[in-house]
Amino acid sequence: MTLGRWLSADPRDVTLGLRTIAVGSVCNVSCAVLGCYLVLRRMSMLGDAISHAILPGLVIGFLLTGSISIVPMFAGALVFGMLTAFLTQTLQTYGRVSEDAGMGVVFTSLFALGVVLISGIGRMHLDQDCVFEGKIDLVAIDITDFWGLSVPLALWSLFPVLVMAVAFILLFWKELKVASFDPMLATSMGINATLIHYLLMGMVAGTTVAAFEAVGSILVVAMLIVPGATAHLLTDRLGWMILWSAVVGILAAILGYIGAAYWNTSVAGMMAVAVGGQFLVVVIVAPRHGLVSKLVGNLELSLRIVAEDIIAALYRLEEQRTGSSEVDRATWADCRQFADGSLLTRPAAILLRLRGQLAFVSGGHVELTDAGRRLGNSLVRSHRLWETFLDRHFELPADHLHEPASRIEHFIGPALQEKLARELDGSAVDPHGRSIPPLEQDDTD
């Protein structure tokens, strides 16, 4: 079913779809906002661990009460969710094992214990489809009246969890931020980083357990990890990261339901696929950390270096002139040689011409403008200052100085040039006996 067909379908079908999307959105946002902290703390797989490790809690809740109602099952699962976080941290702190190894030991052991308990009881039945996929496909028909509105029962357990998650983040904003990025700094500031850790783990466990019955482990695990990871690619600010993760979670609910309706497949599974698809798109097009932006950034850097190599070479040619005819002007072929035959030579020359740093004159010759000469002065000055610095402070042969200086000259600005000049006591020549040009001032004002 396409989006247009869904919107033009029977109003009752649209209503059922909106209820499902509402439940999915509330669940996704609850998991996503807490998952941001798991991503930052490199504990993304904790949600997967908890969703498996709560199985013995479900069984023990049934054994103690003889009921599969929500209260005993929730209590048992929450206890084992917290136990998972506690044992993982304990193994890391006192067992001298890495966090991922400790997590793997804990959740596989507890999950195996749950399987053994279920096998021993015999009369307790847990539907595999319900455990993994949840019953989000049915939440739209399991409703109750609220102020004249038909509201899915699942929202009665999921919406309070969302409110508590948001309230928890707002109440402990500073503590969570500091403890997530630097626990030792948090401790030195008087913040109990261990307490904050367990409070966060408690919220994650509670959210996981509350969402487990409605949407299943597939969606819970995905929403604890992927929205936060997606948002982290979009921004480096924690506040925006949390907001972006919520947006990603809501979009996953909408796109996942539409995709499930179109392909007639699992709603929870398709929501997880939708959030994975968003992550893939962001990996490619994220403005700062995406593959495209990195490719463009690398291309811009390569173009700048080629252009500056041309400028520096032309400046050195001008240095050799004692009269206008003693050294021929450089030609376009020379520029290709200056840039080691780079494919970016022509675009770099065009860029320099547009910037007014390079001029094309008659006979296919090129020469520097005043602006290009100032840039060449800065590059050559950086190069020779760095060669002199290396020669003075490192035992390098003279023929080993040029190559590192050729690389670093593109990243040394006027401030660092002056610092190097002071460090070298105003040395006027480099190790090869060539003069270090003084810094030219821009007098175009």
Protein backbone atom coordinates (compact mmCIF):
# COMPACT_ATOMS: atom_id res chain seq x y z
CA MET A 1 0.00 0.00 0.00
CA THR A 2 1.49 3.30 -1.05
CA LEU A 3 1.22 6.43 1.07
CA GLY A 4 -1.39 7.92 -1.24
CA ARG A 5 -3.50 4.77 -1.18
CA TRP A 6 -3.17 4.53 2.59
CA LEU A 7 -4.31 8.12 3.09
CA SER A 8 -7.25 7.59 0.74
CA ALA A 9 -8.23 4.25 2.30
CA ASP A 10 -11.07 3.54 4.70
CA PRO A 11 -10.92 6.09 7.56
CA ARG A 12 -10.91 3.19 10.02
CA ASP A 13 -7.72 1.83 8.46
CA VAL A 14 -6.12 5.27 8.66
CA THR A 15 -7.10 5.53 12.32
CA LEU A 16 -5.59 2.13 13.09
CA GLY A 17 -2.40 3.17 11.30
CA LEU A 18 -2.17 6.44 13.23
CA ARG A 19 -2.57 4.58 16.53
CA THR A 20 0.22 2.18 15.58
CA ILE A 21 2.46 5.07 14.53
CA ALA A 22 1.71 6.89 17.80
CA VAL A 23 2.72 3.86 19.88
CA GLY A 24 5.84 3.34 17.78
CA SER A 25 6.80 7.02 18.03
CA VAL A 26 6.45 7.15 21.82
CA CYS A 27 8.46 3.95 22.20
CA ASN A 28 11.13 5.05 19.74
CA VAL A 29 11.62 8.48 21.30
CA SER A 30 11.81 6.99 24.82
CA CYS A 31 14.58 4.64 23.73
CA ALA A 32 16.33 7.17 21.47
CA VAL A 33 16.84 9.97 24.01
CA LEU A 34 18.37 7.57 26.54
CA GLY A 35 20.30 5.79 23.81
CA CYS A 36 22.22 9.00 23.08
CA TYR A 37 24.00 8.59 26.41
CA LEU A 38 24.69 4.93 25.72
CA VAL A 39 26.28 5.89 22.39
CA LEU A 40 28.41 8.57 24.05
CA ARG A 41 29.48 6.17 26.82
CA ARG A 42 30.26 3.42 24.28
CA MET A 43 27.64 1.14 25.83
CA SER A 44 25.38 0.77 22.81
CA MET A 45 24.97 -2.98 23.16
CA LEU A 46 23.63 -2.70 26.70
CA GLY A 47 20.08 -2.55 25.33
CA ASP A 48 20.63 -5.85 23.54
CA ALA A 49 22.08 -7.34 26.71
CA ILE A 50 19.16 -6.20 28.87
CA SER A 51 16.53 -7.38 26.38
CA HIS A 52 18.00 -10.89 26.58
CA ALA A 53 18.90 -10.92 30.26
CA ILE A 54 15.40 -10.04 31.50
CA LEU A 55 14.12 -13.46 30.44
CA PRO A 56 14.79 -15.13 33.85
CA GLY A 57 13.09 -12.14 35.47
CA LEU A 58 9.94 -12.85 33.49
CA VAL A 59 10.05 -16.50 34.53
CA ILE A 60 10.70 -15.77 38.20
CA GLY A 61 7.87 -13.21 38.23
CA PHE A 62 5.56 -15.93 36.95
CA LEU A 63 6.85 -18.48 39.47
CA LEU A 64 6.30 -16.15 42.42
CA THR A 65 2.81 -15.02 41.45
CA GLY A 66 1.49 -17.69 39.08
CA SER A 67 0.34 -14.88 36.81
CA ILE A 68 1.55 -13.41 33.53
CA SER A 69 0.02 -10.01 34.26
CA ILE A 70 2.09 -6.92 33.60
CA VAL A 71 2.98 -6.00 37.20
CA PRO A 72 4.91 -9.13 38.31
CA MET A 73 6.45 -9.58 34.87
CA PHE A 74 7.58 -5.95 34.80
CA ALA A 75 9.01 -6.13 38.31
CA GLY A 76 10.97 -9.32 37.61
CA ALA A 77 12.29 -8.03 34.31
CA LEU A 78 13.30 -4.69 35.82
CA VAL A 79 15.26 -6.40 38.60
CA PHE A 80 17.21 -8.51 36.11
CA GLY A 81 17.71 -5.51 33.82
CA MET A 82 19.36 -3.64 36.68
CA LEU A 83 21.27 -6.78 37.65
CA THR A 84 22.67 -6.94 34.11
CA ALA A 85 24.00 -3.40 34.34
CA PHE A 86 25.39 -4.00 37.84
CA LEU A 87 27.16 -7.25 36.98
CA THR A 88 28.61 -5.78 33.78
CA GLN A 89 30.05 -2.82 35.68
CA THR A 90 31.33 -5.07 38.48
CA LEU A 91 33.14 -7.37 36.07
CA GLN A 92 34.73 -4.40 34.36
CA THR A 93 35.82 -2.79 37.63
CA TYR A 94 36.95 -5.80 39.64
CA GLY A 95 37.25 -8.63 37.13
CA ARG A 96 39.77 -6.90 34.87
CA VAL A 97 37.76 -7.63 31.74
CA SER A 98 36.68 -5.17 29.08
CA GLU A 99 33.17 -3.81 29.18
CA ASP A 100 32.04 -5.60 26.02
CA ALA A 101 33.42 -8.92 27.27
CA GLY A 102 31.74 -8.47 30.65
CA MET A 103 28.46 -7.61 28.95
CA GLY A 104 28.69 -10.69 26.76
CA VAL A 105 29.34 -12.95 29.75
CA VAL A 106 26.45 -11.51 31.78
CA PHE A 107 23.69 -11.41 29.23
CA THR A 108 24.45 -14.81 27.67
CA SER A 109 24.55 -16.41 31.12
CA LEU A 110 21.30 -14.81 32.25
CA PHE A 111 19.58 -15.57 28.96
CA ALA A 112 20.66 -19.21 29.22
CA LEU A 113 19.33 -19.28 32.79
CA GLY A 114 15.98 -18.02 31.52
CA VAL A 115 15.85 -20.72 28.84
CA VAL A 116 16.62 -23.40 31.43
CA LEU A 117 13.91 -22.09 33.77
CA ILE A 118 11.32 -22.04 30.99
CA SER A 119 12.24 -25.58 29.98
CA GLY A 120 11.90 -26.73 33.58
CA ILE A 121 8.52 -25.10 34.18
CA GLY A 122 6.84 -26.52 31.12
CA ARG A 123 3.50 -24.79 31.74
CA MET A 124 4.72 -21.28 30.95
CA HIS A 125 4.46 -20.35 27.28
CA LEU A 126 6.28 -17.39 25.75
CA ASP A 127 5.47 -16.80 22.10
CA GLN A 128 8.68 -16.32 20.13
CA ASP A 129 7.03 -13.86 17.73
CA CYS A 130 5.77 -11.82 20.67
CA VAL A 131 9.18 -11.80 22.34
CA PHE A 132 11.14 -10.71 19.28
CA GLU A 133 8.62 -8.69 17.27
CA GLY A 134 6.26 -7.65 20.06
CA LYS A 135 2.61 -7.08 19.33
CA ILE A 136 2.79 -3.60 17.84
CA ASP A 137 0.68 -4.88 14.93
CA LEU A 138 -2.20 -5.37 17.40
CA VAL A 139 -1.87 -2.28 19.60
CA ALA A 140 -4.26 -0.32 17.41
CA ILE A 141 -7.20 -2.61 18.28
CA ASP A 142 -6.32 -3.05 21.98
CA ILE A 143 -7.74 0.31 23.06
CA THR A 144 -9.42 2.09 25.94
CA ASP A 145 -11.45 5.29 26.23
CA PHE A 146 -9.70 8.40 27.52
CA TRP A 147 -11.72 11.63 27.62
CA GLY A 148 -13.79 10.41 24.70
CA LEU A 149 -10.77 9.27 22.69
CA SER A 150 -9.87 5.70 21.78
CA VAL A 151 -6.31 5.35 23.02
CA PRO A 152 -4.12 2.22 22.63
CA LEU A 153 -3.54 0.50 25.97
CA ALA A 154 0.16 0.29 25.18
CA LEU A 155 0.43 4.06 25.56
CA TRP A 156 -0.55 3.76 29.23
CA SER A 157 2.76 2.04 29.92
CA LEU A 158 4.90 3.72 27.26
CA PHE A 159 3.91 7.37 27.65
CA PRO A 160 4.79 7.56 31.39
CA VAL A 161 8.17 6.02 30.50
CA LEU A 162 8.73 8.78 27.94
CA VAL A 163 7.80 11.46 30.48
CA MET A 164 10.14 9.93 33.08
CA ALA A 165 12.99 9.67 30.55
CA VAL A 166 12.64 13.33 29.55
CA ALA A 167 12.28 14.44 33.18
CA PHE A 168 15.35 12.39 34.15
CA ILE A 169 17.44 14.03 31.41
CA LEU A 170 16.27 17.54 32.34
CA LEU A 171 16.77 16.96 36.07
CA PHE A 172 20.28 15.51 35.74
CA TRP A 173 21.36 17.36 32.59
CA LYS A 174 24.67 18.66 33.91
CA GLU A 175 25.53 15.49 35.79
CA LEU A 176 24.74 13.24 32.83
CA LYS A 177 26.74 15.41 30.45
CA VAL A 178 29.87 15.53 32.60
CA ALA A 179 29.72 11.88 33.67
CA SER A 180 29.18 10.69 30.08
CA PHE A 181 32.18 12.53 28.66
CA ASP A 182 34.60 12.38 31.61
CA PRO A 183 33.65 10.36 34.73
CA MET A 184 36.88 11.32 36.51
CA LEU A 185 36.17 15.02 35.98
CA ALA A 186 32.65 14.46 37.28
CA THR A 187 34.03 12.87 40.44
CA SER A 188 36.50 15.73 40.95
CA MET A 189 33.58 18.17 40.66
CA GLY A 190 31.71 16.39 43.46
CA ILE A 191 29.35 14.50 41.14
CA ASN A 192 28.79 10.87 42.06
CA ALA A 193 29.54 9.36 38.65
CA THR A 194 28.74 5.83 39.87
CA LEU A 195 25.29 6.88 41.10
CA ILE A 196 24.57 8.68 37.82
CA HIS A 197 25.66 5.56 35.94
CA TYR A 198 23.25 3.31 37.82
CA LEU A 199 20.41 5.81 37.58
CA LEU A 200 20.91 5.87 33.82
CA MET A 201 21.09 2.09 33.70
CA GLY A 202 17.89 1.92 35.73
CA MET A 203 16.12 4.21 33.26
CA VAL A 204 17.39 2.17 30.33
CA ALA A 205 16.28 -1.07 31.98
CA GLY A 206 12.85 0.35 32.82
CA THR A 207 12.35 1.69 29.31
CA THR A 208 13.48 -1.58 27.76
CA VAL A 209 11.13 -3.64 29.92
CA ALA A 210 8.16 -1.30 29.39
CA ALA A 211 8.62 -1.35 25.62
CA PHE A 212 9.42 -5.06 25.45
CA GLU A 213 5.84 -6.33 25.48
CA ALA A 214 4.47 -3.72 23.10
CA VAL A 215 7.13 -3.64 20.41
CA GLY A 216 9.49 -6.57 21.06
CA SER A 217 13.26 -6.74 21.40
CA ILE A 218 14.08 -6.06 17.74
CA LEU A 219 12.72 -2.52 17.82
CA VAL A 220 13.93 -1.76 21.36
CA VAL A 221 17.53 -2.72 20.58
CA ALA A 222 17.49 -0.78 17.31
CA MET A 223 16.04 2.37 18.89
CA LEU A 224 18.51 2.34 21.78
CA ILE A 225 21.42 2.43 19.34
CA VAL A 226 20.66 3.71 15.86
CA PRO A 227 18.89 7.06 16.46
CA GLY A 228 21.63 8.19 18.84
CA ALA A 229 24.36 7.08 16.43
CA THR A 230 22.55 8.85 13.57
CA ALA A 231 22.16 12.06 15.57
CA HIS A 232 25.83 11.93 16.59
CA LEU A 233 26.78 12.15 12.91
CA LEU A 234 24.56 15.21 12.47
CA THR A 235 25.77 17.31 15.39
CA ASP A 236 28.42 17.57 18.08
CA ARG A 237 26.08 19.33 20.55
CA LEU A 238 24.39 17.11 23.13
CA GLY A 239 21.11 19.03 23.17
CA TRP A 240 20.74 18.90 19.39
CA MET A 241 21.83 15.28 19.40
CA ILE A 242 18.93 14.35 21.68
CA LEU A 243 16.44 16.33 19.57
CA TRP A 244 17.72 14.79 16.34
CA SER A 245 17.49 11.30 17.83
CA ALA A 246 13.83 11.94 18.70
CA VAL A 247 13.14 13.12 15.13
CA VAL A 248 14.84 10.02 13.72
CA GLY A 249 12.74 7.80 16.01
CA ILE A 250 9.47 9.43 14.92
CA LEU A 251 10.40 9.21 11.23
CA ALA A 252 11.25 5.53 11.71
CA ALA A 253 7.78 4.89 13.13
CA ILE A 254 6.09 6.67 10.19
CA LEU A 255 8.24 5.21 7.43
CA GLY A 256 8.29 1.78 9.03
CA TYR A 257 4.52 1.52 9.22
CA ILE A 258 4.07 2.68 5.63
CA GLY A 259 6.74 0.20 4.48
CA ALA A 260 5.14 -2.64 6.46
CA ALA A 261 1.75 -1.82 4.93
CA TYR A 262 3.24 -1.73 1.44
CA TRP A 263 5.15 -5.02 1.70
CA ASN A 264 2.73 -6.71 4.15
CA THR A 265 5.46 -7.53 6.64
CA SER A 266 6.33 -7.03 10.32
CA VAL A 267 5.72 -3.47 11.53
CA ALA A 268 8.40 -3.64 14.26
CA GLY A 269 10.92 -5.15 11.87
CA MET A 270 10.20 -2.55 9.20
CA MET A 271 10.57 0.28 11.72
CA ALA A 272 13.99 -1.10 12.60
CA VAL A 273 14.84 -1.26 8.89
CA ALA A 274 13.64 2.34 8.46
CA VAL A 275 15.88 3.65 11.21
CA GLY A 276 18.80 1.71 9.71
CA GLY A 277 18.04 3.28 6.34
CA GLN A 278 18.13 6.74 7.89
CA PHE A 279 21.50 5.96 9.42
CA LEU A 280 22.82 4.87 6.02
CA VAL A 281 21.61 8.10 4.39
CA VAL A 282 23.17 10.23 7.14
CA VAL A 283 26.48 8.34 6.88
CA ILE A 284 26.59 9.46 3.26
CA VAL A 285 25.26 13.04 3.42
CA ALA A 286 25.93 14.29 6.97
CA PRO A 287 27.21 17.89 6.71
CA ARG A 288 30.40 17.34 8.71
CA HIS A 289 30.98 13.64 9.26
CA GLY A 290 29.33 12.21 6.12
CA LEU A 291 31.22 10.48 3.35
CA VAL A 292 30.31 13.14 0.80
CA SER A 293 31.38 16.02 3.03
CA LYS A 294 34.66 14.28 3.83
CA LEU A 295 35.26 13.64 0.14
CA VAL A 296 34.54 17.29 -0.67
CA GLY A 297 36.76 18.41 2.22
CA ASN A 298 39.63 16.23 1.03
CA LEU A 299 39.18 17.53 -2.52
CA GLU A 300 39.21 21.14 -1.30
CA LEU A 301 42.37 20.49 0.73
CA SER A 302 44.09 18.82 -2.23
CA LEU A 303 43.11 21.71 -4.50
CA ARG A 304 44.45 24.25 -2.01
CA ILE A 305 47.75 22.43 -1.62
CA VAL A 306 48.25 22.17 -5.41
CA ALA A 307 47.43 25.87 -5.80
CA GLU A 308 49.85 26.83 -3.03
CA ASP A 309 52.58 24.63 -4.52
CA ILE A 310 52.24 26.58 -7.77
CA ILE A 311 52.36 29.92 -5.93
CA ALA A 312 55.41 28.92 -3.88
CA ALA A 313 57.29 27.68 -6.95
CA LEU A 314 56.57 30.89 -8.86
CA TYR A 315 57.70 32.95 -5.89
CA ARG A 316 61.00 31.04 -5.77
CA LEU A 317 61.50 31.70 -9.49
CA GLU A 318 61.02 35.41 -8.89
CA GLU A 319 63.59 35.24 -6.09
CA GLN A 320 66.18 34.02 -8.59
CA ARG A 321 65.75 37.02 -10.86
CA THR A 322 68.27 39.78 -10.66
CA GLY A 323 66.95 41.28 -13.91
CA SER A 324 63.78 40.89 -15.90
CA SER A 325 65.47 38.73 -18.58
CA GLU A 326 67.76 36.53 -16.53
CA VAL A 327 65.11 33.95 -15.74
CA ASP A 328 62.33 33.23 -18.18
CA ARG A 329 58.77 33.56 -17.01
CA ALA A 330 57.10 30.29 -16.08
CA THR A 331 54.77 28.64 -18.57
CA TRP A 332 51.68 26.52 -18.10
CA ALA A 333 53.80 23.38 -18.51
CA ASP A 334 55.99 24.58 -15.63
CA CYS A 335 52.91 24.83 -13.42
CA ARG A 336 52.16 21.15 -14.03
CA GLN A 337 55.73 20.35 -13.04
CA PHE A 338 55.43 22.49 -9.88
CA ALA A 339 52.37 20.47 -8.89
CA ASP A 340 54.03 17.12 -9.69
CA GLY A 341 51.70 16.59 -12.64
CA SER A 342 48.58 16.59 -10.47
CA LEU A 343 45.23 16.30 -12.24
CA LEU A 344 44.15 19.29 -10.14
CA THR A 345 46.73 21.61 -11.69
CA ARG A 346 44.34 23.23 -14.17
CA PRO A 347 41.47 23.70 -11.62
CA ALA A 348 44.01 25.09 -9.15
CA ALA A 349 45.34 27.57 -11.71
CA ILE A 350 41.81 28.66 -12.59
CA LEU A 351 41.05 29.10 -8.88
CA LEU A 352 44.19 31.23 -8.42
CA ARG A 353 43.22 33.36 -11.38
CA LEU A 354 39.70 33.88 -10.01
CA ARG A 355 41.19 34.91 -6.68
CA GLY A 356 43.45 37.42 -8.40
CA GLN A 357 46.65 35.64 -7.30
CA LEU A 358 47.83 34.43 -10.71
CA ALA A 359 47.82 36.19 -14.06
CA PHE A 360 48.09 34.66 -17.56
CA VAL A 361 50.21 36.82 -19.87
CA SER A 362 51.14 36.62 -23.54
CA GLY A 363 52.97 33.63 -24.95
CA GLY A 364 51.37 31.15 -22.52
CA HIS A 365 53.29 32.52 -19.57
CA VAL A 366 52.02 33.00 -16.03
CA GLU A 367 53.11 35.34 -13.26
CA LEU A 368 52.14 36.26 -9.74
CA THR A 369 49.99 39.23 -8.89
CA ASP A 370 50.62 41.27 -5.74
CA ALA A 371 48.12 39.10 -3.85
CA GLY A 372 49.80 35.93 -5.11
CA ARG A 373 53.20 37.31 -4.19
CA ARG A 374 52.08 37.89 -0.60
CA LEU A 375 50.80 34.30 -0.40
CA GLY A 376 54.06 33.00 -1.89
CA ASN A 377 56.03 35.04 0.63
CA SER A 378 54.08 33.46 3.49
CA LEU A 379 54.50 29.91 2.13
CA VAL A 380 58.23 30.20 1.49
CA ARG A 381 58.76 31.89 4.84
CA SER A 382 56.91 29.03 6.59
CA HIS A 383 58.94 26.47 4.66
CA ARG A 384 62.34 27.93 5.51
CA LEU A 385 61.47 28.67 9.12
CA TRP A 386 60.42 25.05 9.57
CA GLU A 387 63.58 23.75 7.90
CA THR A 388 65.64 25.92 10.23
CA PHE A 389 63.65 24.72 13.26
CA LEU A 390 64.17 21.07 12.30
CA ASP A 391 67.88 21.63 11.68
CA ARG A 392 68.34 23.31 15.05
CA HIS A 393 66.34 20.93 17.24
CA PHE A 394 66.56 17.58 15.43
CA GLU A 395 69.57 15.73 14.11
CA LEU A 396 68.42 15.46 10.50
CA PRO A 397 70.67 15.56 7.42
CA ALA A 398 70.22 18.64 5.27
CA ASP A 399 68.68 16.61 2.44
CA HIS A 400 65.98 15.35 4.83
CA LEU A 401 64.63 18.81 5.70
CA HIS A 402 62.85 19.80 2.51
CA GLU A 403 60.18 17.09 2.35
CA PRO A 404 58.61 17.62 5.83
CA ALA A 405 58.80 21.39 5.37
CA SER A 406 56.98 21.07 2.01
CA ARG A 407 54.11 19.33 3.77
CA ILE A 408 53.89 21.55 6.84
CA GLU A 409 54.19 24.90 5.01
CA HIS A 410 50.50 24.70 4.04
CA PHE A 411 49.38 24.71 7.68
CA ILE A 412 51.61 27.37 9.28
CA GLY A 413 49.91 30.74 9.66
CA PRO A 414 51.36 34.16 10.57
CA ALA A 415 51.01 33.58 14.32
CA LEU A 416 53.01 30.35 14.24
CA GLN A 417 55.52 31.94 11.88
CA GLU A 418 56.23 34.65 14.42
CA LYS A 419 56.53 32.09 17.18
CA LEU A 420 59.04 30.10 15.12
CA ALA A 421 60.97 33.29 14.30
CA ARG A 422 61.26 34.13 18.00
CA GLU A 423 62.32 30.57 18.77
CA LEU A 424 65.05 30.86 16.12
CA ASP A 425 66.24 34.25 17.45
CA GLY A 426 65.38 35.99 14.19
CA SER A 427 67.60 33.79 12.02
CA ALA A 428 67.80 35.28 8.51
CA VAL A 429 68.89 32.20 6.54
CA ASP A 430 67.79 28.57 6.37
CA PRO A 431 70.16 25.54 6.62
CA HIS A 432 70.75 25.70 2.85
CA GLY A 433 71.93 29.30 3.01
CA ARG A 434 68.80 30.78 1.45
CA SER A 435 67.35 33.91 3.00
CA ILE A 436 64.17 33.66 5.04
CA PRO A 437 61.87 36.34 3.59
CA PRO A 438 60.37 38.82 6.06
CA LEU A 439 56.64 38.74 6.50
CA GLU A 440 54.99 41.05 3.99
CA GLN A 441 52.09 43.16 5.23
CA ASP A 442 48.90 43.59 3.25
CA ASP A 443 48.86 47.30 2.47
CA THR A 444 45.79 47.27 0.24
CA ASP A 445 43.66 49.19 2.74
